[in-house]
Amino acid sequence: MFLIVAKYLIPKGYRGMAVFPFVIAKYDFDKTNKVFVNHEKIHLRQQLELLVIPFFIWYFLEYLIRLIQYKNGALAYRNISFEREAYNKEADLNYLKNRSFFRFLDYIKSNKQ
């Protein structure tokens, strides 16, 4: 993982993003934020499981489905299965050590967050 701070690459309203093998942070202080970094590392693992490009296709399609479902962009984003797993487990700094493959599938059901 390579952690880069590049505030102009991150869309407004977001603090960071993961694009294998990079984590891009908007703010320098997030480099030492263990919860933020763990959230993005979870996304890196998800990307590896789906061989990167299919991850982004799935992410985009699921976002569109959630947008139709909830009619709200922020709610659609928070309910993407990849985001639900990452937000739910970001504070568990040992999560990736014990995480089984394709764990994001447990979060695909639409339980609004």
PDB file of N, CA and C in Angstrom:
ATOM      1  N   MET A   1       0.838  -1.173   0.000  1.00  0.00           N
ATOM      2  CA  MET A   1       0.000   0.000   0.000  1.00  0.00           C
ATOM      3  C   MET A   1       0.887   1.242   0.000  1.00  0.00           C
ATOM      4  N   PHE A   2       0.520   2.192  -0.852  1.00  0.00           N
ATOM      5  CA  PHE A   2       1.197   3.482  -0.910  1.00  0.00           C
ATOM      6  C   PHE A   2       0.180   4.544  -0.517  1.00  0.00           C
ATOM      7  N   LEU A   3       0.491   5.329   0.504  1.00  0.00           N
ATOM      8  CA  LEU A   3      -0.419   6.362   0.962  1.00  0.00           C
ATOM      9  C   LEU A   3       0.055   7.717   0.445  1.00  0.00           C
ATOM     10  N   ILE A   4      -0.817   8.382  -0.300  1.00  0.00           N
ATOM     11  CA  ILE A   4      -0.492   9.655  -0.937  1.00  0.00           C
ATOM     12  C   ILE A   4      -1.483  10.703  -0.454  1.00  0.00           C
ATOM     13  N   VAL A   5      -1.011  11.893  -0.193  1.00  0.00           N
ATOM     14  CA  VAL A   5      -1.897  13.014   0.124  1.00  0.00           C
ATOM     15  C   VAL A   5      -1.983  13.884  -1.125  1.00  0.00           C
ATOM     16  N   ALA A   6      -3.207  14.020  -1.630  1.00  0.00           N
ATOM     17  CA  ALA A   6      -3.451  14.809  -2.845  1.00  0.00           C
ATOM     18  C   ALA A   6      -4.876  15.342  -2.776  1.00  0.00           C
ATOM     19  N   LYS A   7      -5.022  16.469  -2.109  1.00  0.00           N
ATOM     20  CA  LYS A   7      -6.372  16.954  -1.830  1.00  0.00           C
ATOM     21  C   LYS A   7      -7.192  17.266  -3.070  1.00  0.00           C
ATOM     22  N   TYR A   8      -6.556  17.547  -4.174  1.00  0.00           N
ATOM     23  CA  TYR A   8      -7.313  17.899  -5.377  1.00  0.00           C
ATOM     24  C   TYR A   8      -7.812  16.680  -6.158  1.00  0.00           C
ATOM     25  N   LEU A   9      -7.342  15.496  -5.797  1.00  0.00           N
ATOM     26  CA  LEU A   9      -7.819  14.277  -6.444  1.00  0.00           C
ATOM     27  C   LEU A   9      -9.072  13.706  -5.781  1.00  0.00           C
ATOM     28  N   ILE A  10      -9.366  14.172  -4.582  1.00  0.00           N
ATOM     29  CA  ILE A  10     -10.496  13.645  -3.819  1.00  0.00           C
ATOM     30  C   ILE A  10     -11.717  14.537  -4.029  1.00  0.00           C
ATOM     31  N   PRO A  11     -12.842  13.941  -4.429  1.00  0.00           N
ATOM     32  CA  PRO A  11     -14.055  14.743  -4.635  1.00  0.00           C
ATOM     33  C   PRO A  11     -14.531  15.437  -3.362  1.00  0.00           C
ATOM     34  N   LYS A  12     -15.214  16.529  -3.539  1.00  0.00           N
ATOM     35  CA  LYS A  12     -15.769  17.285  -2.414  1.00  0.00           C
ATOM     36  C   LYS A  12     -16.680  16.378  -1.581  1.00  0.00           C
ATOM     37  N   GLY A  13     -16.545  16.473  -0.273  1.00  0.00           N
ATOM     38  CA  GLY A  13     -17.362  15.674   0.629  1.00  0.00           C
ATOM     39  C   GLY A  13     -16.729  14.349   1.039  1.00  0.00           C
ATOM     40  N   TYR A  14     -15.589  14.011   0.475  1.00  0.00           N
ATOM     41  CA  TYR A  14     -14.898  12.769   0.797  1.00  0.00           C
ATOM     42  C   TYR A  14     -13.509  13.076   1.347  1.00  0.00           C
ATOM     43  N   ARG A  15     -12.977  12.150   2.143  1.00  0.00           N
ATOM     44  CA  ARG A  15     -11.654  12.333   2.738  1.00  0.00           C
ATOM     45  C   ARG A  15     -10.579  11.513   2.059  1.00  0.00           C
ATOM     46  N   GLY A  16     -10.988  10.465   1.362  1.00  0.00           N
ATOM     47  CA  GLY A  16      -9.983   9.633   0.729  1.00  0.00           C
ATOM     48  C   GLY A  16     -10.597   8.591  -0.165  1.00  0.00           C
ATOM     49  N   MET A  17      -9.713   7.865  -0.837  1.00  0.00           N
ATOM     50  CA  MET A  17     -10.164   6.771  -1.685  1.00  0.00           C
ATOM     51  C   MET A  17      -9.021   5.790  -1.884  1.00  0.00           C
ATOM     52  N   ALA A  18      -9.407   4.576  -2.213  1.00  0.00           N
ATOM     53  CA  ALA A  18      -8.429   3.528  -2.464  1.00  0.00           C
ATOM     54  C   ALA A  18      -8.527   3.114  -3.922  1.00  0.00           C
ATOM     55  N   VAL A  19      -7.394   3.105  -4.587  1.00  0.00           N
ATOM     56  CA  VAL A  19      -7.282   2.598  -5.951  1.00  0.00           C
ATOM     57  C   VAL A  19      -6.014   1.757  -5.955  1.00  0.00           C
ATOM     58  N   PHE A  20      -6.196   0.451  -5.916  1.00  0.00           N
ATOM     59  CA  PHE A  20      -5.079  -0.457  -5.718  1.00  0.00           C
ATOM     60  C   PHE A  20      -3.889  -0.099  -6.603  1.00  0.00           C
ATOM     61  N   PRO A  21      -2.712   0.017  -6.014  1.00  0.00           N
ATOM     62  CA  PRO A  21      -2.278  -0.227  -4.643  1.00  0.00           C
ATOM     63  C   PRO A  21      -2.162   1.056  -3.807  1.00  0.00           C
ATOM     64  N   PHE A  22      -2.864   2.095  -4.216  1.00  0.00           N
ATOM     65  CA  PHE A  22      -2.741   3.402  -3.565  1.00  0.00           C
ATOM     66  C   PHE A  22      -3.920   3.720  -2.660  1.00  0.00           C
ATOM     67  N   VAL A  23      -3.625   4.413  -1.570  1.00  0.00           N
ATOM     68  CA  VAL A  23      -4.639   5.074  -0.755  1.00  0.00           C
ATOM     69  C   VAL A  23      -4.348   6.557  -0.908  1.00  0.00           C
ATOM     70  N   ILE A  24      -5.345   7.285  -1.361  1.00  0.00           N
ATOM     71  CA  ILE A  24      -5.184   8.725  -1.573  1.00  0.00           C
ATOM     72  C   ILE A  24      -5.994   9.447  -0.509  1.00  0.00           C
ATOM     73  N   ALA A  25      -5.333  10.273   0.270  1.00  0.00           N
ATOM     74  CA  ALA A  25      -5.978  11.021   1.343  1.00  0.00           C
ATOM     75  C   ALA A  25      -6.052  12.492   0.958  1.00  0.00           C
ATOM     76  N   LYS A  26      -7.112  13.128   1.407  1.00  0.00           N
ATOM     77  CA  LYS A  26      -7.286  14.552   1.132  1.00  0.00           C
ATOM     78  C   LYS A  26      -6.440  15.397   2.087  1.00  0.00           C
ATOM     79  N   TYR A  27      -6.312  14.908   3.311  1.00  0.00           N
ATOM     80  CA  TYR A  27      -5.636  15.685   4.359  1.00  0.00           C
ATOM     81  C   TYR A  27      -4.414  14.934   4.890  1.00  0.00           C
ATOM     82  N   ASP A  28      -3.368  15.672   5.158  1.00  0.00           N
ATOM     83  CA  ASP A  28      -2.124  15.110   5.660  1.00  0.00           C
ATOM     84  C   ASP A  28      -2.321  14.369   6.984  1.00  0.00           C
ATOM     85  N   PHE A  29      -3.196  14.884   7.860  1.00  0.00           N
ATOM     86  CA  PHE A  29      -3.382  14.272   9.174  1.00  0.00           C
ATOM     87  C   PHE A  29      -3.998  12.872   9.082  1.00  0.00           C
ATOM     88  N   ASP A  30      -4.642  12.537   7.965  1.00  0.00           N
ATOM     89  CA  ASP A  30      -5.238  11.207   7.832  1.00  0.00           C
ATOM     90  C   ASP A  30      -4.190  10.120   7.620  1.00  0.00           C
ATOM     91  N   LYS A  31      -2.951  10.500   7.294  1.00  0.00           N
ATOM     92  CA  LYS A  31      -1.884   9.511   7.149  1.00  0.00           C
ATOM     93  C   LYS A  31      -1.658   8.762   8.454  1.00  0.00           C
ATOM     94  N   THR A  32      -1.913   9.402   9.572  1.00  0.00           N
ATOM     95  CA  THR A  32      -1.708   8.770  10.881  1.00  0.00           C
ATOM     96  C   THR A  32      -3.026   8.361  11.547  1.00  0.00           C
ATOM     97  N   ASN A  33      -4.130   8.539  10.858  1.00  0.00           N
ATOM     98  CA  ASN A  33      -5.433   8.160  11.390  1.00  0.00           C
ATOM     99  C   ASN A  33      -5.655   6.671  11.109  1.00  0.00           C
ATOM    100  N   LYS A  34      -5.485   5.837  12.133  1.00  0.00           N
ATOM    101  CA  LYS A  34      -5.529   4.385  11.961  1.00  0.00           C
ATOM    102  C   LYS A  34      -6.889   3.891  11.472  1.00  0.00           C
ATOM    103  N   VAL A  35      -7.955   4.515  11.916  1.00  0.00           N
ATOM    104  CA  VAL A  35      -9.297   4.100  11.490  1.00  0.00           C
ATOM    105  C   VAL A  35      -9.501   4.416  10.006  1.00  0.00           C
ATOM    106  N   PHE A  36      -9.113   5.613   9.591  1.00  0.00           N
ATOM    107  CA  PHE A  36      -9.208   6.000   8.183  1.00  0.00           C
ATOM    108  C   PHE A  36      -8.396   5.045   7.300  1.00  0.00           C
ATOM    109  N   VAL A  37      -7.155   4.800   7.691  1.00  0.00           N
ATOM    110  CA  VAL A  37      -6.273   3.929   6.905  1.00  0.00           C
ATOM    111  C   VAL A  37      -6.839   2.512   6.860  1.00  0.00           C
ATOM    112  N   ASN A  38      -7.377   2.018   7.970  1.00  0.00           N
ATOM    113  CA  ASN A  38      -7.961   0.680   7.992  1.00  0.00           C
ATOM    114  C   ASN A  38      -9.172   0.594   7.064  1.00  0.00           C
ATOM    115  N   HIS A  39     -10.002   1.624   7.056  1.00  0.00           N
ATOM    116  CA  HIS A  39     -11.165   1.676   6.152  1.00  0.00           C
ATOM    117  C   HIS A  39     -10.693   1.519   4.704  1.00  0.00           C
ATOM    118  N   GLU A  40      -9.669   2.258   4.339  1.00  0.00           N
ATOM    119  CA  GLU A  40      -9.171   2.203   2.966  1.00  0.00           C
ATOM    120  C   GLU A  40      -8.471   0.880   2.670  1.00  0.00           C
ATOM    121  N   LYS A  41      -7.798   0.295   3.661  1.00  0.00           N
ATOM    122  CA  LYS A  41      -7.172  -1.014   3.466  1.00  0.00           C
ATOM    123  C   LYS A  41      -8.222  -2.095   3.218  1.00  0.00           C
ATOM    124  N   ILE A  42      -9.370  -1.965   3.864  1.00  0.00           N
ATOM    125  CA  ILE A  42     -10.465  -2.908   3.618  1.00  0.00           C
ATOM    126  C   ILE A  42     -10.871  -2.822   2.149  1.00  0.00           C
ATOM    127  N   HIS A  43     -10.950  -1.598   1.616  1.00  0.00           N
ATOM    128  CA  HIS A  43     -11.271  -1.440   0.195  1.00  0.00           C
ATOM    129  C   HIS A  43     -10.191  -2.049  -0.703  1.00  0.00           C
ATOM    130  N   LEU A  44      -8.930  -1.920  -0.322  1.00  0.00           N
ATOM    131  CA  LEU A  44      -7.856  -2.527  -1.114  1.00  0.00           C
ATOM    132  C   LEU A  44      -8.018  -4.044  -1.161  1.00  0.00           C
ATOM    133  N   ARG A  45      -8.378  -4.637  -0.028  1.00  0.00           N
ATOM    134  CA  ARG A  45      -8.587  -6.092   0.008  1.00  0.00           C
ATOM    135  C   ARG A  45      -9.766  -6.482  -0.880  1.00  0.00           C
ATOM    136  N   GLN A  46     -10.845  -5.715  -0.811  1.00  0.00           N
ATOM    137  CA  GLN A  46     -12.010  -5.977  -1.665  1.00  0.00           C
ATOM    138  C   GLN A  46     -11.620  -5.900  -3.141  1.00  0.00           C
ATOM    139  N   GLN A  47     -10.819  -4.906  -3.473  1.00  0.00           N
ATOM    140  CA  GLN A  47     -10.381  -4.736  -4.859  1.00  0.00           C
ATOM    141  C   GLN A  47      -9.546  -5.925  -5.319  1.00  0.00           C
ATOM    142  N   LEU A  48      -8.663  -6.411  -4.470  1.00  0.00           N
ATOM    143  CA  LEU A  48      -7.849  -7.577  -4.815  1.00  0.00           C
ATOM    144  C   LEU A  48      -8.715  -8.808  -5.052  1.00  0.00           C
ATOM    145  N   GLU A  49      -9.708  -8.993  -4.193  1.00  0.00           N
ATOM    146  CA  GLU A  49     -10.587 -10.159  -4.325  1.00  0.00           C
ATOM    147  C   GLU A  49     -11.313 -10.184  -5.668  1.00  0.00           C
ATOM    148  N   LEU A  50     -11.684  -9.008  -6.139  1.00  0.00           N
ATOM    149  CA  LEU A  50     -12.423  -8.928  -7.398  1.00  0.00           C
ATOM    150  C   LEU A  50     -11.525  -8.558  -8.583  1.00  0.00           C
ATOM    151  N   LEU A  51     -10.228  -8.610  -8.382  1.00  0.00           N
ATOM    152  CA  LEU A  51      -9.249  -8.331  -9.441  1.00  0.00           C
ATOM    153  C   LEU A  51      -9.343  -6.900  -9.974  1.00  0.00           C
ATOM    154  N   VAL A  52      -9.563  -5.974  -9.100  1.00  0.00           N
ATOM    155  CA  VAL A  52      -9.524  -4.522  -9.268  1.00  0.00           C
ATOM    156  C   VAL A  52     -10.597  -3.970 -10.217  1.00  0.00           C
ATOM    157  N   ILE A  53     -10.485  -4.171 -11.502  1.00  0.00           N
ATOM    158  CA  ILE A  53     -11.439  -3.566 -12.453  1.00  0.00           C
ATOM    159  C   ILE A  53     -12.878  -4.026 -12.186  1.00  0.00           C
ATOM    160  N   PRO A  54     -13.127  -5.332 -12.005  1.00  0.00           N
ATOM    161  CA  PRO A  54     -14.501  -5.738 -11.683  1.00  0.00           C
ATOM    162  C   PRO A  54     -15.031  -5.106 -10.396  1.00  0.00           C
ATOM    163  N   PHE A  55     -14.135  -4.823  -9.438  1.00  0.00           N
ATOM    164  CA  PHE A  55     -14.559  -4.136  -8.213  1.00  0.00           C
ATOM    165  C   PHE A  55     -15.201  -2.796  -8.558  1.00  0.00           C
ATOM    166  N   PHE A  56     -14.536  -2.016  -9.394  1.00  0.00           N
ATOM    167  CA  PHE A  56     -15.049  -0.682  -9.718  1.00  0.00           C
ATOM    168  C   PHE A  56     -16.333  -0.744 -10.545  1.00  0.00           C
ATOM    169  N   ILE A  57     -16.443  -1.753 -11.401  1.00  0.00           N
ATOM    170  CA  ILE A  57     -17.679  -1.937 -12.158  1.00  0.00           C
ATOM    171  C   ILE A  57     -18.818  -2.278 -11.206  1.00  0.00           C
ATOM    172  N   TRP A  58     -18.577  -3.225 -10.292  1.00  0.00           N
ATOM    173  CA  TRP A  58     -19.586  -3.620  -9.309  1.00  0.00           C
ATOM    174  C   TRP A  58     -19.949  -2.415  -8.439  1.00  0.00           C
ATOM    175  N   TYR A  59     -18.941  -1.690  -7.972  1.00  0.00           N
ATOM    176  CA  TYR A  59     -19.150  -0.528  -7.102  1.00  0.00           C
ATOM    177  C   TYR A  59     -20.080   0.477  -7.792  1.00  0.00           C
ATOM    178  N   PHE A  60     -19.783   0.799  -9.040  1.00  0.00           N
ATOM    179  CA  PHE A  60     -20.571   1.771  -9.789  1.00  0.00           C
ATOM    180  C   PHE A  60     -22.005   1.273 -10.018  1.00  0.00           C
ATOM    181  N   LEU A  61     -22.147   0.011 -10.414  1.00  0.00           N
ATOM    182  CA  LEU A  61     -23.481  -0.541 -10.654  1.00  0.00           C
ATOM    183  C   LEU A  61     -24.300  -0.617  -9.364  1.00  0.00           C
ATOM    184  N   GLU A  62     -23.657  -1.022  -8.276  1.00  0.00           N
ATOM    185  CA  GLU A  62     -24.383  -1.084  -7.005  1.00  0.00           C
ATOM    186  C   GLU A  62     -24.777   0.319  -6.544  1.00  0.00           C
ATOM    187  N   TYR A  63     -23.911   1.285  -6.785  1.00  0.00           N
ATOM    188  CA  TYR A  63     -24.268   2.670  -6.446  1.00  0.00           C
ATOM    189  C   TYR A  63     -25.517   3.098  -7.226  1.00  0.00           C
ATOM    190  N   LEU A  64     -25.573   2.780  -8.512  1.00  0.00           N
ATOM    191  CA  LEU A  64     -26.745   3.143  -9.320  1.00  0.00           C
ATOM    192  C   LEU A  64     -28.006   2.465  -8.810  1.00  0.00           C
ATOM    193  N   ILE A  65     -27.897   1.203  -8.458  1.00  0.00           N
ATOM    194  CA  ILE A  65     -29.054   0.477  -7.912  1.00  0.00           C
ATOM    195  C   ILE A  65     -29.508   1.111  -6.602  1.00  0.00           C
ATOM    196  N   ARG A  66     -28.555   1.416  -5.725  1.00  0.00           N
ATOM    197  CA  ARG A  66     -28.893   2.041  -4.429  1.00  0.00           C
ATOM    198  C   ARG A  66     -29.464   3.450  -4.638  1.00  0.00           C
ATOM    199  N   LEU A  67     -28.996   4.145  -5.646  1.00  0.00           N
ATOM    200  CA  LEU A  67     -29.513   5.486  -5.934  1.00  0.00           C
ATOM    201  C   LEU A  67     -30.979   5.401  -6.360  1.00  0.00           C
ATOM    202  N   ILE A  68     -31.295   4.434  -7.183  1.00  0.00           N
ATOM    203  CA  ILE A  68     -32.694   4.221  -7.574  1.00  0.00           C
ATOM    204  C   ILE A  68     -33.515   3.799  -6.350  1.00  0.00           C
ATOM    205  N   GLN A  69     -32.932   2.946  -5.529  1.00  0.00           N
ATOM    206  CA  GLN A  69     -33.615   2.428  -4.349  1.00  0.00           C
ATOM    207  C   GLN A  69     -33.902   3.522  -3.323  1.00  0.00           C
ATOM    208  N   TYR A  70     -32.914   4.355  -3.014  1.00  0.00           N
ATOM    209  CA  TYR A  70     -33.044   5.337  -1.935  1.00  0.00           C
ATOM    210  C   TYR A  70     -33.313   6.766  -2.412  1.00  0.00           C
ATOM    211  N   LYS A  71     -33.067   7.029  -3.698  1.00  0.00           N
ATOM    212  CA  LYS A  71     -33.270   8.373  -4.270  1.00  0.00           C
ATOM    213  C   LYS A  71     -32.503   9.461  -3.507  1.00  0.00           C
ATOM    214  N   ASN A  72     -31.318   9.088  -3.046  1.00  0.00           N
ATOM    215  CA  ASN A  72     -30.467   9.993  -2.281  1.00  0.00           C
ATOM    216  C   ASN A  72     -29.021   9.526  -2.469  1.00  0.00           C
ATOM    217  N   GLY A  73     -28.170  10.403  -3.011  1.00  0.00           N
ATOM    218  CA  GLY A  73     -26.797  10.032  -3.316  1.00  0.00           C
ATOM    219  C   GLY A  73     -25.981   9.605  -2.107  1.00  0.00           C
ATOM    220  N   ALA A  74     -26.103  10.359  -1.012  1.00  0.00           N
ATOM    221  CA  ALA A  74     -25.331  10.036   0.189  1.00  0.00           C
ATOM    222  C   ALA A  74     -25.780   8.706   0.786  1.00  0.00           C
ATOM    223  N   LEU A  75     -27.069   8.476   0.796  1.00  0.00           N
ATOM    224  CA  LEU A  75     -27.613   7.229   1.327  1.00  0.00           C
ATOM    225  C   LEU A  75     -27.238   6.053   0.416  1.00  0.00           C
ATOM    226  N   ALA A  76     -27.263   6.277  -0.872  1.00  0.00           N
ATOM    227  CA  ALA A  76     -26.866   5.234  -1.827  1.00  0.00           C
ATOM    228  C   ALA A  76     -25.408   4.842  -1.595  1.00  0.00           C
ATOM    229  N   TYR A  77     -24.532   5.836  -1.445  1.00  0.00           N
ATOM    230  CA  TYR A  77     -23.106   5.588  -1.195  1.00  0.00           C
ATOM    231  C   TYR A  77     -22.899   4.793   0.088  1.00  0.00           C
ATOM    232  N   ARG A  78     -23.557   5.199   1.169  1.00  0.00           N
ATOM    233  CA  ARG A  78     -23.365   4.533   2.469  1.00  0.00           C
ATOM    234  C   ARG A  78     -23.879   3.101   2.471  1.00  0.00           C
ATOM    235  N   ASN A  79     -24.759   2.766   1.514  1.00  0.00           N
ATOM    236  CA  ASN A  79     -25.348   1.433   1.484  1.00  0.00           C
ATOM    237  C   ASN A  79     -24.757   0.511   0.427  1.00  0.00           C
ATOM    238  N   ILE A  80     -23.712   0.944  -0.250  1.00  0.00           N
ATOM    239  CA  ILE A  80     -22.973   0.032  -1.129  1.00  0.00           C
ATOM    240  C   ILE A  80     -22.338  -1.029  -0.222  1.00  0.00           C
ATOM    241  N   SER A  81     -22.437  -2.273  -0.606  1.00  0.00           N
ATOM    242  CA  SER A  81     -21.946  -3.359   0.259  1.00  0.00           C
ATOM    243  C   SER A  81     -20.482  -3.172   0.656  1.00  0.00           C
ATOM    244  N   PHE A  82     -19.656  -2.692  -0.254  1.00  0.00           N
ATOM    245  CA  PHE A  82     -18.242  -2.465   0.059  1.00  0.00           C
ATOM    246  C   PHE A  82     -18.078  -1.405   1.148  1.00  0.00           C
ATOM    247  N   GLU A  83     -18.871  -0.334   1.057  1.00  0.00           N
ATOM    248  CA  GLU A  83     -18.800   0.736   2.058  1.00  0.00           C
ATOM    249  C   GLU A  83     -19.376   0.282   3.397  1.00  0.00           C
ATOM    250  N   ARG A  84     -20.444  -0.491   3.349  1.00  0.00           N
ATOM    251  CA  ARG A  84     -21.043  -0.969   4.588  1.00  0.00           C
ATOM    252  C   ARG A  84     -20.043  -1.815   5.373  1.00  0.00           C
ATOM    253  N   GLU A  85     -19.334  -2.709   4.670  1.00  0.00           N
ATOM    254  CA  GLU A  85     -18.327  -3.516   5.353  1.00  0.00           C
ATOM    255  C   GLU A  85     -17.216  -2.630   5.907  1.00  0.00           C
ATOM    256  N   ALA A  86     -16.714  -1.721   5.093  1.00  0.00           N
ATOM    257  CA  ALA A  86     -15.592  -0.872   5.516  1.00  0.00           C
ATOM    258  C   ALA A  86     -15.974   0.018   6.695  1.00  0.00           C
ATOM    259  N   TYR A  87     -17.145   0.645   6.650  1.00  0.00           N
ATOM    260  CA  TYR A  87     -17.566   1.492   7.769  1.00  0.00           C
ATOM    261  C   TYR A  87     -17.829   0.663   9.015  1.00  0.00           C
ATOM    262  N   ASN A  88     -18.415  -0.521   8.836  1.00  0.00           N
ATOM    263  CA  ASN A  88     -18.749  -1.364   9.979  1.00  0.00           C
ATOM    264  C   ASN A  88     -17.506  -1.892  10.685  1.00  0.00           C
ATOM    265  N   LYS A  89     -16.447  -2.137   9.946  1.00  0.00           N
ATOM    266  CA  LYS A  89     -15.240  -2.776  10.505  1.00  0.00           C
ATOM    267  C   LYS A  89     -14.020  -1.863  10.591  1.00  0.00           C
ATOM    268  N   GLU A  90     -14.161  -0.591  10.238  1.00  0.00           N
ATOM    269  CA  GLU A  90     -12.993   0.290  10.196  1.00  0.00           C
ATOM    270  C   GLU A  90     -12.293   0.461  11.545  1.00  0.00           C
ATOM    271  N   ALA A  91     -13.031   0.396  12.633  1.00  0.00           N
ATOM    272  CA  ALA A  91     -12.424   0.584  13.951  1.00  0.00           C
ATOM    273  C   ALA A  91     -11.763  -0.693  14.480  1.00  0.00           C
ATOM    274  N   ASP A  92     -12.036  -1.828  13.861  1.00  0.00           N
ATOM    275  CA  ASP A  92     -11.429  -3.092  14.255  1.00  0.00           C
ATOM    276  C   ASP A  92     -10.105  -3.236  13.503  1.00  0.00           C
ATOM    277  N   LEU A  93      -9.032  -2.828  14.146  1.00  0.00           N
ATOM    278  CA  LEU A  93      -7.729  -2.791  13.477  1.00  0.00           C
ATOM    279  C   LEU A  93      -7.145  -4.176  13.202  1.00  0.00           C
ATOM    280  N   ASN A  94      -7.753  -5.221  13.750  1.00  0.00           N
ATOM    281  CA  ASN A  94      -7.320  -6.593  13.485  1.00  0.00           C
ATOM    282  C   ASN A  94      -8.222  -7.294  12.476  1.00  0.00           C
ATOM    283  N   TYR A  95      -9.206  -6.603  11.963  1.00  0.00           N
ATOM    284  CA  TYR A  95     -10.214  -7.209  11.087  1.00  0.00           C
ATOM    285  C   TYR A  95      -9.602  -7.903   9.878  1.00  0.00           C
ATOM    286  N   LEU A  96      -8.682  -7.263   9.211  1.00  0.00           N
ATOM    287  CA  LEU A  96      -8.118  -7.838   7.988  1.00  0.00           C
ATOM    288  C   LEU A  96      -7.282  -9.097   8.246  1.00  0.00           C
ATOM    289  N   LYS A  97      -6.801  -9.266   9.457  1.00  0.00           N
ATOM    290  CA  LYS A  97      -6.021 -10.461   9.788  1.00  0.00           C
ATOM    291  C   LYS A  97      -6.889 -11.710   9.787  1.00  0.00           C
ATOM    292  N   ASN A  98      -8.167 -11.544  10.125  1.00  0.00           N
ATOM    293  CA  ASN A  98      -9.063 -12.696  10.258  1.00  0.00           C
ATOM    294  C   ASN A  98     -10.198 -12.704   9.240  1.00  0.00           C
ATOM    295  N   ARG A  99     -10.248 -11.726   8.378  1.00  0.00           N
ATOM    296  CA  ARG A  99     -11.351 -11.588   7.420  1.00  0.00           C
ATOM    297  C   ARG A  99     -11.311 -12.707   6.388  1.00  0.00           C
ATOM    298  N   SER A 100     -12.459 -13.330   6.175  1.00  0.00           N
ATOM    299  CA  SER A 100     -12.540 -14.363   5.141  1.00  0.00           C
ATOM    300  C   SER A 100     -12.813 -13.710   3.779  1.00  0.00           C
ATOM    301  N   PHE A 101     -12.583 -14.465   2.722  1.00  0.00           N
ATOM    302  CA  PHE A 101     -12.767 -13.936   1.369  1.00  0.00           C
ATOM    303  C   PHE A 101     -14.222 -13.541   1.112  1.00  0.00           C
ATOM    304  N   PHE A 102     -14.399 -12.503   0.317  1.00  0.00           N
ATOM    305  CA  PHE A 102     -15.704 -12.029  -0.138  1.00  0.00           C
ATOM    306  C   PHE A 102     -16.662 -11.701   1.009  1.00  0.00           C
ATOM    307  N   ARG A 103     -16.117 -11.206   2.081  1.00  0.00           N
ATOM    308  CA  ARG A 103     -16.928 -10.875   3.258  1.00  0.00           C
ATOM    309  C   ARG A 103     -17.936  -9.762   2.973  1.00  0.00           C
ATOM    310  N   PHE A 104     -17.648  -8.915   1.985  1.00  0.00           N
ATOM    311  CA  PHE A 104     -18.567  -7.831   1.633  1.00  0.00           C
ATOM    312  C   PHE A 104     -19.934  -8.358   1.216  1.00  0.00           C
ATOM    313  N   LEU A 105     -20.003  -9.617   0.784  1.00  0.00           N
ATOM    314  CA  LEU A 105     -21.285 -10.206   0.370  1.00  0.00           C
ATOM    315  C   LEU A 105     -22.270 -10.275   1.538  1.00  0.00           C
ATOM    316  N   ASP A 106     -21.749 -10.328   2.758  1.00  0.00           N
ATOM    317  CA  ASP A 106     -22.622 -10.319   3.944  1.00  0.00           C
ATOM    318  C   ASP A 106     -23.375  -8.999   4.076  1.00  0.00           C
ATOM    319  N   TYR A 107     -22.915  -7.972   3.399  1.00  0.00           N
ATOM    320  CA  TYR A 107     -23.487  -6.626   3.532  1.00  0.00           C
ATOM    321  C   TYR A 107     -24.328  -6.222   2.322  1.00  0.00           C
ATOM    322  N   ILE A 108     -24.609  -7.167   1.445  1.00  0.00           N
ATOM    323  CA  ILE A 108     -25.306  -6.802   0.210  1.00  0.00           C
ATOM    324  C   ILE A 108     -26.810  -6.572   0.409  1.00  0.00           C
ATOM    325  N   LYS A 109     -27.386  -7.191   1.418  1.00  0.00           N
ATOM    326  CA  LYS A 109     -28.807  -6.963   1.685  1.00  0.00           C
ATOM    327  C   LYS A 109     -29.032  -5.498   2.000  1.00  0.00           C
ATOM    328  N   SER A 110     -30.188  -5.010   1.627  1.00  0.00           N
ATOM    329  CA  SER A 110     -30.445  -3.569   1.766  1.00  0.00           C
ATOM    330  C   SER A 110     -31.036  -3.224   3.133  1.00  0.00           C
ATOM    331  N   ASN A 111     -30.198  -3.228   4.138  1.00  0.00           N
ATOM    332  CA  ASN A 111     -30.581  -2.715   5.454  1.00  0.00           C
ATOM    333  C   ASN A 111     -30.060  -1.299   5.544  1.00  0.00           C
ATOM    334  N   LYS A 112     -30.932  -0.353   5.323  1.00  0.00           N
ATOM    335  CA  LYS A 112     -30.543   1.056   5.215  1.00  0.00           C
ATOM    336  C   LYS A 112     -29.700   1.495   6.400  1.00  0.00           C
ATOM    337  N   GLN A 113     -28.576   2.173   6.084  1.00  0.00           N
ATOM    338  CA  GLN A 113     -27.707   2.735   7.125  1.00  0.00           C
ATOM    339  C   GLN A 113     -27.761   4.234   7.080  1.00  0.00           C
TER     340      GLN A 113
END
